[in-house]
N, C-alpha and C. Protein backbone atom coordinates (compact mmCIF):
# COMPACT_ATOMS: atom_id res chain seq x y z
N UNK A 1 0.85 -1.19 0.00
CA UNK A 1 0.00 0.00 0.00
C UNK A 1 0.88 1.23 0.00
N UNK A 2 0.57 2.19 -0.89
CA UNK A 2 1.38 3.39 -1.02
C UNK A 2 1.04 4.45 0.01
N UNK A 3 1.87 5.52 0.03
CA UNK A 3 1.66 6.62 0.97
C UNK A 3 0.33 7.31 0.71
N UNK A 4 -0.01 7.49 -0.57
CA UNK A 4 -1.26 8.15 -0.90
C UNK A 4 -2.46 7.36 -0.38
N UNK A 5 -2.36 6.03 -0.45
CA UNK A 5 -3.43 5.19 0.08
C UNK A 5 -3.57 5.39 1.59
N UNK A 6 -2.42 5.48 2.27
CA UNK A 6 -2.47 5.69 3.71
C UNK A 6 -3.07 7.03 4.06
N UNK A 7 -2.68 8.07 3.31
CA UNK A 7 -3.19 9.42 3.58
C UNK A 7 -4.69 9.50 3.35
N UNK A 8 -5.16 8.78 2.35
CA UNK A 8 -6.59 8.81 2.01
C UNK A 8 -7.39 7.76 2.76
N UNK A 9 -6.69 6.95 3.57
CA UNK A 9 -7.39 5.94 4.35
C UNK A 9 -7.87 4.76 3.55
N UNK A 10 -7.27 4.55 2.37
CA UNK A 10 -7.68 3.43 1.53
C UNK A 10 -6.99 2.15 1.98
N UNK A 11 -7.65 1.02 1.81
CA UNK A 11 -7.07 -0.26 2.20
C UNK A 11 -7.06 -1.19 1.00
N UNK A 12 -6.17 -2.18 1.06
CA UNK A 12 -6.17 -3.21 0.02
C UNK A 12 -7.41 -4.07 0.17
N UNK A 13 -7.74 -4.78 -0.89
CA UNK A 13 -8.94 -5.62 -0.86
C UNK A 13 -8.86 -6.67 0.23
N UNK A 14 -7.63 -7.10 0.55
CA UNK A 14 -7.48 -8.15 1.55
C UNK A 14 -7.52 -7.60 2.97
N UNK A 15 -7.44 -6.26 3.10
CA UNK A 15 -7.42 -5.66 4.42
C UNK A 15 -8.83 -5.23 4.83
N UNK A 16 -9.09 -5.28 6.11
CA UNK A 16 -10.38 -4.83 6.62
C UNK A 16 -10.22 -3.46 7.26
N UNK A 17 -11.21 -2.59 7.14
CA UNK A 17 -11.13 -1.28 7.79
C UNK A 17 -10.94 -1.46 9.29
N UNK A 18 -10.20 -0.55 9.91
CA UNK A 18 -9.91 -0.67 11.34
C UNK A 18 -11.13 -0.41 12.20
N UNK A 19 -12.10 0.37 11.69
CA UNK A 19 -13.32 0.64 12.45
C UNK A 19 -14.53 0.23 11.61
N UNK A 20 -15.51 -0.38 12.22
CA UNK A 20 -16.69 -0.79 11.46
C UNK A 20 -17.51 0.41 10.99
N UNK A 21 -18.16 0.25 9.85
CA UNK A 21 -19.02 1.30 9.30
C UNK A 21 -20.41 1.15 9.90
N UNK A 22 -20.92 2.25 10.47
CA UNK A 22 -22.26 2.23 11.04
C UNK A 22 -23.16 3.18 10.27
N UNK A 23 -24.38 2.77 10.05
CA UNK A 23 -25.34 3.60 9.35
C UNK A 23 -25.99 4.57 10.33
N UNK A 24 -26.20 5.81 9.86
CA UNK A 24 -26.80 6.84 10.69
C UNK A 24 -28.29 6.90 10.41
N UNK A 25 -29.07 6.80 11.45
CA UNK A 25 -30.53 6.90 11.33
C UNK A 25 -30.91 8.37 11.25
N UNK A 26 -31.48 8.79 10.12
CA UNK A 26 -31.84 10.20 9.94
C UNK A 26 -32.86 10.67 10.96
N UNK A 27 -33.63 9.76 11.52
CA UNK A 27 -34.60 10.14 12.54
C UNK A 27 -33.94 10.55 13.85
N UNK A 28 -32.65 10.22 14.00
CA UNK A 28 -31.92 10.58 15.22
C UNK A 28 -31.23 11.94 15.12
N UNK A 29 -31.30 12.58 13.95
CA UNK A 29 -30.62 13.86 13.75
C UNK A 29 -31.51 15.00 14.22
N UNK A 30 -30.95 15.84 15.09
CA UNK A 30 -31.64 17.04 15.57
C UNK A 30 -30.71 18.23 15.38
N UNK A 31 -31.29 19.40 15.14
CA UNK A 31 -30.52 20.62 14.93
C UNK A 31 -30.55 21.48 16.18
N UNK A 32 -29.47 22.22 16.40
CA UNK A 32 -29.41 23.10 17.57
C UNK A 32 -30.00 24.48 17.27
N UNK A 33 -30.24 24.79 15.98
CA UNK A 33 -30.80 26.08 15.58
C UNK A 33 -32.05 25.85 14.75
N UNK A 34 -33.05 26.73 14.87
CA UNK A 34 -34.27 26.57 14.06
C UNK A 34 -34.12 27.13 12.65
N UNK A 35 -33.06 27.91 12.41
CA UNK A 35 -32.90 28.53 11.11
C UNK A 35 -31.44 28.92 10.87
N UNK A 36 -31.05 28.97 9.60
CA UNK A 36 -29.75 29.50 9.20
C UNK A 36 -29.94 30.32 7.93
N UNK A 37 -28.95 31.16 7.63
CA UNK A 37 -28.99 31.97 6.42
C UNK A 37 -28.63 31.14 5.20
N UNK A 38 -29.25 31.46 4.07
CA UNK A 38 -28.92 30.79 2.82
C UNK A 38 -27.59 31.31 2.27
N UNK A 39 -27.18 32.51 2.69
CA UNK A 39 -25.94 33.11 2.21
C UNK A 39 -24.79 32.64 3.09
N UNK A 40 -23.89 31.90 2.51
CA UNK A 40 -22.73 31.38 3.24
C UNK A 40 -21.68 32.49 3.36
N UNK A 41 -21.06 32.66 4.54
CA UNK A 41 -20.06 33.73 4.69
C UNK A 41 -18.81 33.47 3.86
N UNK A 42 -18.49 34.38 2.95
CA UNK A 42 -17.29 34.25 2.14
C UNK A 42 -16.08 34.64 2.98
N UNK A 43 -14.98 33.89 2.85
CA UNK A 43 -13.81 34.13 3.67
C UNK A 43 -12.55 34.31 2.83
N UNK A 44 -11.55 34.92 3.46
CA UNK A 44 -10.23 35.13 2.86
C UNK A 44 -9.19 34.71 3.91
N UNK A 45 -7.93 34.55 3.51
CA UNK A 45 -6.91 34.17 4.50
C UNK A 45 -6.86 35.15 5.67
N UNK A 46 -6.62 34.63 6.85
CA UNK A 46 -6.60 35.42 8.07
C UNK A 46 -5.39 36.34 8.10
N UNK A 47 -5.62 37.61 8.46
CA UNK A 47 -4.53 38.57 8.59
C UNK A 47 -4.05 38.65 10.03
N UNK A 48 -3.32 39.71 10.34
CA UNK A 48 -2.83 39.92 11.70
C UNK A 48 -4.02 40.13 12.64
N UNK A 49 -4.03 39.40 13.74
CA UNK A 49 -5.15 39.48 14.66
C UNK A 49 -5.01 40.67 15.60
N UNK A 50 -6.17 41.19 16.05
CA UNK A 50 -6.20 42.34 16.95
C UNK A 50 -7.07 42.01 18.15
N UNK A 51 -7.07 42.92 19.12
CA UNK A 51 -7.91 42.74 20.31
C UNK A 51 -9.38 42.91 20.00
N UNK A 52 -9.70 43.43 18.82
CA UNK A 52 -11.09 43.69 18.46
C UNK A 52 -11.70 42.56 17.61
N UNK A 53 -10.89 41.54 17.30
CA UNK A 53 -11.39 40.44 16.48
C UNK A 53 -12.41 39.60 17.25
N UNK A 54 -13.33 38.98 16.53
CA UNK A 54 -14.27 38.04 17.12
C UNK A 54 -14.27 36.77 16.29
N UNK A 55 -14.73 35.67 16.88
CA UNK A 55 -14.84 34.40 16.18
C UNK A 55 -16.29 33.95 16.19
N UNK A 56 -16.79 33.58 15.02
CA UNK A 56 -18.16 33.08 14.93
C UNK A 56 -18.15 31.76 14.15
N UNK A 57 -19.17 30.96 14.39
CA UNK A 57 -19.37 29.76 13.58
C UNK A 57 -20.19 30.15 12.36
N UNK A 58 -19.97 29.47 11.25
CA UNK A 58 -20.68 29.81 10.02
C UNK A 58 -22.20 29.76 10.18
N UNK A 59 -22.71 28.88 11.05
CA UNK A 59 -24.15 28.79 11.25
C UNK A 59 -24.72 30.00 11.99
N UNK A 60 -23.84 30.74 12.70
CA UNK A 60 -24.29 31.92 13.45
C UNK A 60 -24.26 33.19 12.61
N UNK A 61 -23.78 33.09 11.38
CA UNK A 61 -23.69 34.25 10.50
C UNK A 61 -25.09 34.82 10.22
N UNK A 62 -25.27 36.11 10.48
CA UNK A 62 -26.51 36.85 10.21
C UNK A 62 -27.71 36.32 11.00
N UNK A 63 -27.50 35.82 12.19
CA UNK A 63 -28.64 35.37 13.00
C UNK A 63 -29.32 36.54 13.71
N UNK A 64 -28.58 37.62 13.95
CA UNK A 64 -29.14 38.85 14.51
C UNK A 64 -28.68 39.99 13.63
N UNK A 65 -29.51 40.40 12.68
CA UNK A 65 -29.05 41.33 11.65
C UNK A 65 -29.99 42.50 11.45
N UNK A 66 -29.39 43.61 11.01
CA UNK A 66 -30.15 44.79 10.63
C UNK A 66 -30.54 44.66 9.16
N UNK A 67 -31.79 44.96 8.87
CA UNK A 67 -32.28 44.90 7.50
C UNK A 67 -33.06 46.17 7.17
N UNK A 68 -33.19 46.45 5.89
CA UNK A 68 -33.98 47.60 5.46
C UNK A 68 -35.45 47.40 5.82
N UNK A 69 -36.12 48.48 6.18
CA UNK A 69 -37.55 48.38 6.48
C UNK A 69 -38.35 47.90 5.29
N UNK A 70 -37.84 48.16 4.10
CA UNK A 70 -38.54 47.74 2.88
C UNK A 70 -38.58 46.22 2.74
N UNK A 71 -37.77 45.51 3.53
CA UNK A 71 -37.75 44.04 3.47
C UNK A 71 -38.77 43.42 4.42
N UNK A 72 -39.66 44.23 5.00
CA UNK A 72 -40.57 43.74 6.04
C UNK A 72 -41.42 42.56 5.57
N UNK A 73 -41.95 42.60 4.36
CA UNK A 73 -42.80 41.51 3.88
C UNK A 73 -42.02 40.19 3.80
N UNK A 74 -40.80 40.26 3.27
CA UNK A 74 -39.96 39.05 3.20
C UNK A 74 -39.59 38.56 4.59
N UNK A 75 -39.35 39.48 5.50
CA UNK A 75 -39.02 39.12 6.89
C UNK A 75 -40.17 38.35 7.51
N UNK A 76 -41.40 38.84 7.32
CA UNK A 76 -42.57 38.18 7.89
C UNK A 76 -42.76 36.78 7.32
N UNK A 77 -42.46 36.61 6.04
CA UNK A 77 -42.56 35.29 5.41
C UNK A 77 -41.59 34.32 6.06
N UNK A 78 -40.35 34.77 6.27
CA UNK A 78 -39.35 33.91 6.90
C UNK A 78 -39.72 33.60 8.35
N UNK A 79 -40.20 34.60 9.09
CA UNK A 79 -40.55 34.40 10.49
C UNK A 79 -41.70 33.41 10.63
N UNK A 80 -42.62 33.42 9.69
CA UNK A 80 -43.73 32.48 9.72
C UNK A 80 -43.22 31.04 9.62
N UNK A 81 -42.25 30.82 8.74
CA UNK A 81 -41.67 29.48 8.59
C UNK A 81 -40.88 29.07 9.83
N UNK A 82 -40.16 30.02 10.43
CA UNK A 82 -39.37 29.70 11.63
C UNK A 82 -40.29 29.42 12.81
N UNK A 83 -41.38 30.16 12.92
CA UNK A 83 -42.36 29.90 13.97
C UNK A 83 -42.94 28.50 13.85
N UNK A 84 -43.11 28.03 12.63
CA UNK A 84 -43.61 26.68 12.40
C UNK A 84 -42.62 25.64 12.91
N UNK A 85 -41.32 25.91 12.72
CA UNK A 85 -40.30 25.02 13.25
C UNK A 85 -40.40 24.95 14.77
N UNK A 86 -40.55 26.10 15.41
CA UNK A 86 -40.70 26.14 16.87
C UNK A 86 -41.94 25.39 17.33
N UNK A 87 -43.06 25.61 16.65
CA UNK A 87 -44.33 25.07 17.11
C UNK A 87 -44.52 23.59 16.82
N UNK A 88 -43.93 23.10 15.73
CA UNK A 88 -44.19 21.73 15.30
C UNK A 88 -42.97 20.82 15.42
N UNK A 89 -41.78 21.37 15.18
CA UNK A 89 -40.60 20.52 15.05
C UNK A 89 -39.55 20.74 16.14
N UNK A 90 -39.94 21.26 17.30
CA UNK A 90 -38.97 21.48 18.37
C UNK A 90 -39.21 20.51 19.53
N UNK A 91 -38.15 20.27 20.29
CA UNK A 91 -38.24 19.41 21.46
C UNK A 91 -37.40 20.03 22.57
N UNK A 92 -37.98 20.20 23.74
CA UNK A 92 -37.28 20.81 24.86
C UNK A 92 -36.67 19.74 25.74
N UNK A 93 -35.44 20.03 26.20
CA UNK A 93 -34.77 19.16 27.16
C UNK A 93 -34.47 19.94 28.42
N UNK A 94 -33.57 19.45 29.20
CA UNK A 94 -33.18 20.11 30.45
C UNK A 94 -32.23 21.27 30.12
N UNK A 95 -32.79 22.45 29.91
CA UNK A 95 -31.99 23.63 29.61
C UNK A 95 -31.62 23.80 28.15
N UNK A 96 -32.26 23.06 27.25
CA UNK A 96 -31.95 23.20 25.84
C UNK A 96 -33.19 22.90 24.99
N UNK A 97 -33.14 23.34 23.74
CA UNK A 97 -34.18 23.03 22.76
C UNK A 97 -33.50 22.58 21.48
N UNK A 98 -33.98 21.51 20.87
CA UNK A 98 -33.46 21.03 19.59
C UNK A 98 -34.61 20.98 18.59
N UNK A 99 -34.23 20.88 17.31
CA UNK A 99 -35.22 21.00 16.24
C UNK A 99 -35.05 19.87 15.23
N UNK A 100 -36.17 19.29 14.84
CA UNK A 100 -36.14 18.20 13.88
C UNK A 100 -35.82 18.71 12.47
N UNK A 101 -36.22 19.93 12.16
CA UNK A 101 -35.89 20.55 10.88
C UNK A 101 -35.24 21.91 11.15
N UNK A 102 -34.49 22.40 10.18
CA UNK A 102 -33.86 23.72 10.27
C UNK A 102 -34.25 24.51 9.03
N UNK A 103 -34.93 25.63 9.23
CA UNK A 103 -35.39 26.44 8.10
C UNK A 103 -34.24 27.25 7.51
N UNK A 104 -34.04 27.15 6.21
CA UNK A 104 -33.02 27.94 5.52
C UNK A 104 -33.69 29.17 4.92
N UNK A 105 -33.22 30.36 5.36
CA UNK A 105 -33.83 31.61 4.90
C UNK A 105 -33.37 31.91 3.47
N UNK A 106 -34.33 31.94 2.53
CA UNK A 106 -33.99 32.11 1.12
C UNK A 106 -34.59 33.36 0.48
N UNK A 107 -35.53 34.02 1.16
CA UNK A 107 -36.21 35.16 0.52
C UNK A 107 -35.55 36.50 0.80
N UNK A 108 -34.65 36.56 1.78
CA UNK A 108 -34.04 37.84 2.16
C UNK A 108 -32.91 38.22 1.21
N UNK A 109 -32.02 37.29 0.92
CA UNK A 109 -30.87 37.61 0.08
C UNK A 109 -29.88 38.49 0.81
N UNK A 110 -29.02 39.15 0.06
CA UNK A 110 -28.05 40.06 0.66
C UNK A 110 -28.76 41.32 1.14
N UNK A 111 -28.44 41.82 2.35
CA UNK A 111 -29.14 42.98 2.90
C UNK A 111 -28.94 44.27 2.09
N UNK A 112 -27.72 44.49 1.57
CA UNK A 112 -27.46 45.69 0.76
C UNK A 112 -27.78 46.98 1.50
N UNK A 113 -27.29 47.13 2.72
CA UNK A 113 -27.67 48.28 3.55
C UNK A 113 -27.14 49.61 3.04
N UNK A 114 -25.89 49.64 2.56
CA UNK A 114 -25.27 50.88 2.07
C UNK A 114 -25.22 51.98 3.12
N UNK A 115 -24.78 51.64 4.33
CA UNK A 115 -24.61 52.60 5.42
C UNK A 115 -23.17 53.10 5.39
N UNK A 116 -22.95 54.42 5.33
CA UNK A 116 -21.57 54.93 5.37
C UNK A 116 -20.88 54.48 6.65
N UNK A 117 -19.72 53.83 6.50
CA UNK A 117 -19.02 53.26 7.65
C UNK A 117 -18.64 54.34 8.66
N UNK A 118 -18.18 55.49 8.17
CA UNK A 118 -17.80 56.57 9.07
C UNK A 118 -19.00 57.09 9.85
N UNK A 119 -20.17 57.11 9.22
CA UNK A 119 -21.38 57.56 9.91
C UNK A 119 -21.76 56.58 11.02
N UNK A 120 -21.60 55.29 10.76
CA UNK A 120 -21.92 54.28 11.77
C UNK A 120 -20.96 54.40 12.95
N UNK A 121 -19.66 54.53 12.66
CA UNK A 121 -18.68 54.66 13.73
C UNK A 121 -18.90 55.93 14.54
N UNK A 122 -19.28 57.00 13.86
CA UNK A 122 -19.56 58.25 14.56
C UNK A 122 -20.78 58.12 15.45
N UNK A 123 -21.82 57.47 14.96
CA UNK A 123 -23.04 57.27 15.74
C UNK A 123 -22.75 56.45 16.99
N UNK A 124 -21.91 55.43 16.86
CA UNK A 124 -21.60 54.54 17.98
C UNK A 124 -20.42 55.03 18.80
N UNK A 125 -19.83 56.15 18.37
CA UNK A 125 -18.67 56.72 19.07
C UNK A 125 -17.56 55.68 19.23
N UNK A 126 -17.28 55.00 18.13
CA UNK A 126 -16.27 53.95 18.13
C UNK A 126 -15.43 54.08 16.87
N UNK A 127 -14.11 54.09 17.02
CA UNK A 127 -13.23 54.24 15.87
C UNK A 127 -12.42 53.00 15.57
N UNK A 128 -12.27 52.11 16.56
CA UNK A 128 -11.48 50.90 16.35
C UNK A 128 -12.31 49.82 15.67
N UNK A 129 -11.68 49.10 14.76
CA UNK A 129 -12.39 48.04 14.05
C UNK A 129 -11.50 46.81 13.93
N UNK A 130 -12.08 45.63 14.18
CA UNK A 130 -11.35 44.37 14.06
C UNK A 130 -11.87 43.55 12.90
N UNK A 131 -11.51 42.27 12.88
CA UNK A 131 -11.94 41.38 11.82
C UNK A 131 -12.79 40.24 12.38
N UNK A 132 -13.60 39.65 11.52
CA UNK A 132 -14.46 38.54 11.89
C UNK A 132 -13.79 37.24 11.45
N UNK A 133 -13.56 36.34 12.39
CA UNK A 133 -12.92 35.07 12.08
C UNK A 133 -14.00 33.98 12.02
N UNK A 134 -14.09 33.33 10.86
CA UNK A 134 -15.08 32.28 10.63
C UNK A 134 -14.34 30.98 10.34
N UNK A 135 -14.40 30.03 11.26
CA UNK A 135 -13.75 28.74 11.06
C UNK A 135 -12.28 28.88 10.67
N UNK A 136 -11.57 29.80 11.34
CA UNK A 136 -10.14 29.95 11.11
C UNK A 136 -9.75 30.84 9.95
N UNK A 137 -10.71 31.39 9.24
CA UNK A 137 -10.43 32.33 8.14
C UNK A 137 -11.12 33.65 8.45
N UNK A 138 -10.80 34.69 7.67
CA UNK A 138 -11.38 36.01 7.89
C UNK A 138 -12.58 36.21 6.98
N UNK A 139 -13.66 36.79 7.53
CA UNK A 139 -14.82 37.13 6.71
C UNK A 139 -14.40 38.16 5.67
N UNK A 140 -14.68 37.88 4.40
CA UNK A 140 -14.29 38.79 3.32
C UNK A 140 -14.98 40.14 3.50
N UNK A 141 -14.18 41.21 3.53
CA UNK A 141 -14.73 42.54 3.72
C UNK A 141 -15.31 42.76 5.11
N UNK A 142 -14.96 41.89 6.04
CA UNK A 142 -15.58 41.94 7.36
C UNK A 142 -14.99 43.01 8.27
N UNK A 143 -15.77 43.42 9.27
CA UNK A 143 -15.31 44.38 10.27
C UNK A 143 -16.00 44.08 11.60
N UNK A 144 -15.41 44.59 12.67
CA UNK A 144 -15.98 44.49 14.01
C UNK A 144 -15.91 45.87 14.66
N UNK A 145 -16.99 46.29 15.28
CA UNK A 145 -17.02 47.53 16.06
C UNK A 145 -17.50 47.19 17.46
N UNK A 146 -16.78 47.68 18.47
CA UNK A 146 -17.17 47.43 19.85
C UNK A 146 -17.46 48.74 20.56
N UNK A 147 -18.58 48.76 21.30
CA UNK A 147 -18.89 49.88 22.18
C UNK A 147 -18.84 49.35 23.62
N UNK A 148 -19.23 50.17 24.56
CA UNK A 148 -19.19 49.74 25.96
C UNK A 148 -20.11 48.56 26.22
N UNK A 149 -21.25 48.51 25.51
CA UNK A 149 -22.25 47.49 25.80
C UNK A 149 -22.46 46.47 24.68
N UNK A 150 -21.93 46.74 23.48
CA UNK A 150 -22.32 45.96 22.31
C UNK A 150 -21.14 45.68 21.39
N UNK A 151 -21.17 44.53 20.74
CA UNK A 151 -20.21 44.22 19.68
C UNK A 151 -20.99 43.98 18.39
N UNK A 152 -20.65 44.76 17.37
CA UNK A 152 -21.28 44.65 16.05
C UNK A 152 -20.27 44.07 15.06
N UNK A 153 -20.78 43.39 14.04
CA UNK A 153 -19.91 42.93 12.96
C UNK A 153 -20.69 43.00 11.65
N UNK A 154 -19.96 42.95 10.56
CA UNK A 154 -20.63 43.01 9.26
C UNK A 154 -19.62 42.98 8.13
N UNK A 155 -20.07 43.44 6.96
CA UNK A 155 -19.22 43.47 5.78
C UNK A 155 -19.26 44.85 5.15
N UNK A 156 -18.17 45.17 4.48
CA UNK A 156 -18.02 46.46 3.81
C UNK A 156 -17.83 46.27 2.31
N UNK A 157 -18.36 47.22 1.54
CA UNK A 157 -18.04 47.37 0.12
C UNK A 157 -17.51 48.78 -0.03
N UNK A 158 -16.21 48.90 -0.23
CA UNK A 158 -15.54 50.21 -0.15
C UNK A 158 -15.76 50.77 1.26
N UNK A 159 -16.41 51.91 1.37
CA UNK A 159 -16.66 52.53 2.68
C UNK A 159 -18.13 52.43 3.09
N UNK A 160 -18.85 51.49 2.49
CA UNK A 160 -20.27 51.31 2.81
C UNK A 160 -20.50 49.99 3.51
N UNK A 161 -21.25 50.04 4.59
CA UNK A 161 -21.63 48.82 5.31
C UNK A 161 -22.78 48.16 4.56
N UNK A 162 -22.56 46.92 4.11
CA UNK A 162 -23.60 46.21 3.37
C UNK A 162 -24.33 45.19 4.24
N UNK A 163 -23.64 44.69 5.28
CA UNK A 163 -24.24 43.76 6.24
C UNK A 163 -23.86 44.25 7.63
N UNK A 164 -24.85 44.28 8.54
CA UNK A 164 -24.59 44.70 9.91
C UNK A 164 -25.33 43.77 10.86
N UNK A 165 -24.58 43.18 11.80
CA UNK A 165 -25.14 42.18 12.71
C UNK A 165 -24.70 42.45 14.14
N UNK A 166 -25.39 41.80 15.08
CA UNK A 166 -25.01 41.84 16.49
C UNK A 166 -24.25 40.57 16.84
N UNK A 167 -23.20 40.73 17.64
CA UNK A 167 -22.45 39.58 18.15
C UNK A 167 -22.68 39.43 19.65
N UNK A 168 -22.49 40.50 20.40
CA UNK A 168 -22.76 40.51 21.84
C UNK A 168 -23.54 41.77 22.17
N UNK A 169 -24.50 41.64 23.09
CA UNK A 169 -25.32 42.79 23.45
C UNK A 169 -25.90 42.56 24.85
N UNK A 170 -26.52 43.61 25.38
CA UNK A 170 -27.14 43.56 26.69
C UNK A 170 -28.36 44.49 26.68
N UNK A 171 -29.01 44.60 27.81
CA UNK A 171 -30.15 45.52 27.90
C UNK A 171 -29.73 46.95 27.60
N UNK A 172 -28.48 47.28 27.93
CA UNK A 172 -27.99 48.64 27.67
C UNK A 172 -27.74 48.91 26.19
N UNK A 173 -27.84 47.87 25.35
CA UNK A 173 -27.63 48.04 23.91
C UNK A 173 -28.86 48.61 23.21
N UNK A 174 -30.00 48.60 23.87
CA UNK A 174 -31.26 48.97 23.21
C UNK A 174 -31.20 50.39 22.65
N UNK A 175 -30.63 51.32 23.42
CA UNK A 175 -30.56 52.71 22.94
C UNK A 175 -29.72 52.80 21.67
N UNK A 176 -28.61 52.07 21.61
CA UNK A 176 -27.77 52.06 20.41
C UNK A 176 -28.52 51.48 19.22
N UNK A 177 -29.19 50.37 19.46
CA UNK A 177 -29.93 49.70 18.37
C UNK A 177 -31.03 50.61 17.84
N UNK A 178 -31.75 51.27 18.74
CA UNK A 178 -32.79 52.21 18.31
C UNK A 178 -32.19 53.35 17.50
N UNK A 179 -31.01 53.83 17.91
CA UNK A 179 -30.36 54.93 17.19
C UNK A 179 -29.97 54.50 15.78
N UNK A 180 -29.46 53.27 15.65
CA UNK A 180 -29.11 52.75 14.32
C UNK A 180 -30.35 52.64 13.45
N UNK A 181 -31.41 52.04 14.00
CA UNK A 181 -32.64 51.88 13.23
C UNK A 181 -33.20 53.22 12.77
N UNK A 182 -33.19 54.20 13.67
CA UNK A 182 -33.74 55.51 13.34
C UNK A 182 -32.87 56.24 12.32
N UNK A 183 -31.56 56.17 12.48
CA UNK A 183 -30.65 56.92 11.62
C UNK A 183 -30.55 56.34 10.21
N UNK A 184 -30.64 55.02 10.10
CA UNK A 184 -30.40 54.38 8.81
C UNK A 184 -31.62 53.65 8.26
N UNK A 185 -32.79 53.90 8.86
CA UNK A 185 -34.06 53.36 8.36
C UNK A 185 -34.01 51.83 8.28
N UNK A 186 -33.56 51.23 9.39
CA UNK A 186 -33.45 49.77 9.44
C UNK A 186 -34.30 49.22 10.58
N UNK A 187 -34.33 47.93 10.67
CA UNK A 187 -34.89 47.23 11.82
C UNK A 187 -34.00 46.04 12.12
N UNK A 188 -33.99 45.61 13.37
CA UNK A 188 -33.15 44.50 13.80
C UNK A 188 -34.00 43.24 13.91
N UNK A 189 -33.52 42.15 13.31
CA UNK A 189 -34.25 40.88 13.36
C UNK A 189 -33.40 39.85 14.09
N UNK A 190 -33.99 39.26 15.14
CA UNK A 190 -33.40 38.11 15.82
C UNK A 190 -34.12 36.89 15.24
N UNK A 191 -33.48 36.24 14.27
CA UNK A 191 -34.16 35.18 13.53
C UNK A 191 -34.51 33.98 14.41
N UNK A 192 -33.59 33.54 15.24
CA UNK A 192 -33.84 32.33 16.02
C UNK A 192 -34.97 32.50 17.02
N UNK A 193 -35.14 33.71 17.55
CA UNK A 193 -36.21 33.98 18.52
C UNK A 193 -37.44 34.62 17.88
N UNK A 194 -37.40 34.81 16.55
CA UNK A 194 -38.54 35.38 15.80
C UNK A 194 -38.94 36.75 16.35
N UNK A 195 -37.96 37.61 16.56
CA UNK A 195 -38.22 38.93 17.11
C UNK A 195 -37.76 40.02 16.16
N UNK A 196 -38.55 41.11 16.08
CA UNK A 196 -38.19 42.27 15.28
C UNK A 196 -38.11 43.46 16.24
N UNK A 197 -37.03 44.22 16.13
CA UNK A 197 -36.87 45.42 16.95
C UNK A 197 -36.77 46.63 16.05
N UNK A 198 -37.73 47.53 16.22
CA UNK A 198 -37.76 48.79 15.48
C UNK A 198 -37.54 49.92 16.46
N UNK A 199 -37.16 51.10 15.97
CA UNK A 199 -36.95 52.20 16.93
C UNK A 199 -38.29 52.70 17.44
N UNK A 200 -38.29 53.13 18.69
CA UNK A 200 -39.53 53.60 19.35
C UNK A 200 -39.96 54.93 18.79
């Protein structure tokens, strides 16, 4: 047996695999999230890391995102499907909930916010920006902004924010979120909890 066979885990016909093959029962598969985005995060090689960098899993991409108010009808369509997952296909355990199906959001597409990056940083009184690390690579065009109470991330096209999401937040973040929604005519959607936050 050659080196390539060893690297690929191939065996000769006379050899038996070292571990038996077991079939997976699809009825035993449960998901930890009720929904994920249809848009996969594009990545580039990781650059020099900073104190402002964050790490996310690809499934968490755009789970709490700002969208244009004009997308409200599409948002409601997606939320209806996610609510169905909660109501029909969820199971609660001791401190957790799992889902038999996971809804893939397909009607939203790219947010295309076009928010001037300098305006966003000025509104949040934050000038430092880090990078978003997704599975060991950097989110293409990604950025991170941190305030005292909140961590935001998203993507840039030139100097325009095209995607804006929440990474960490608290009750004290509400004023910031309302300010963003009011200033840039957006609303915040928490997809997994089926919640929409608009400015008061």
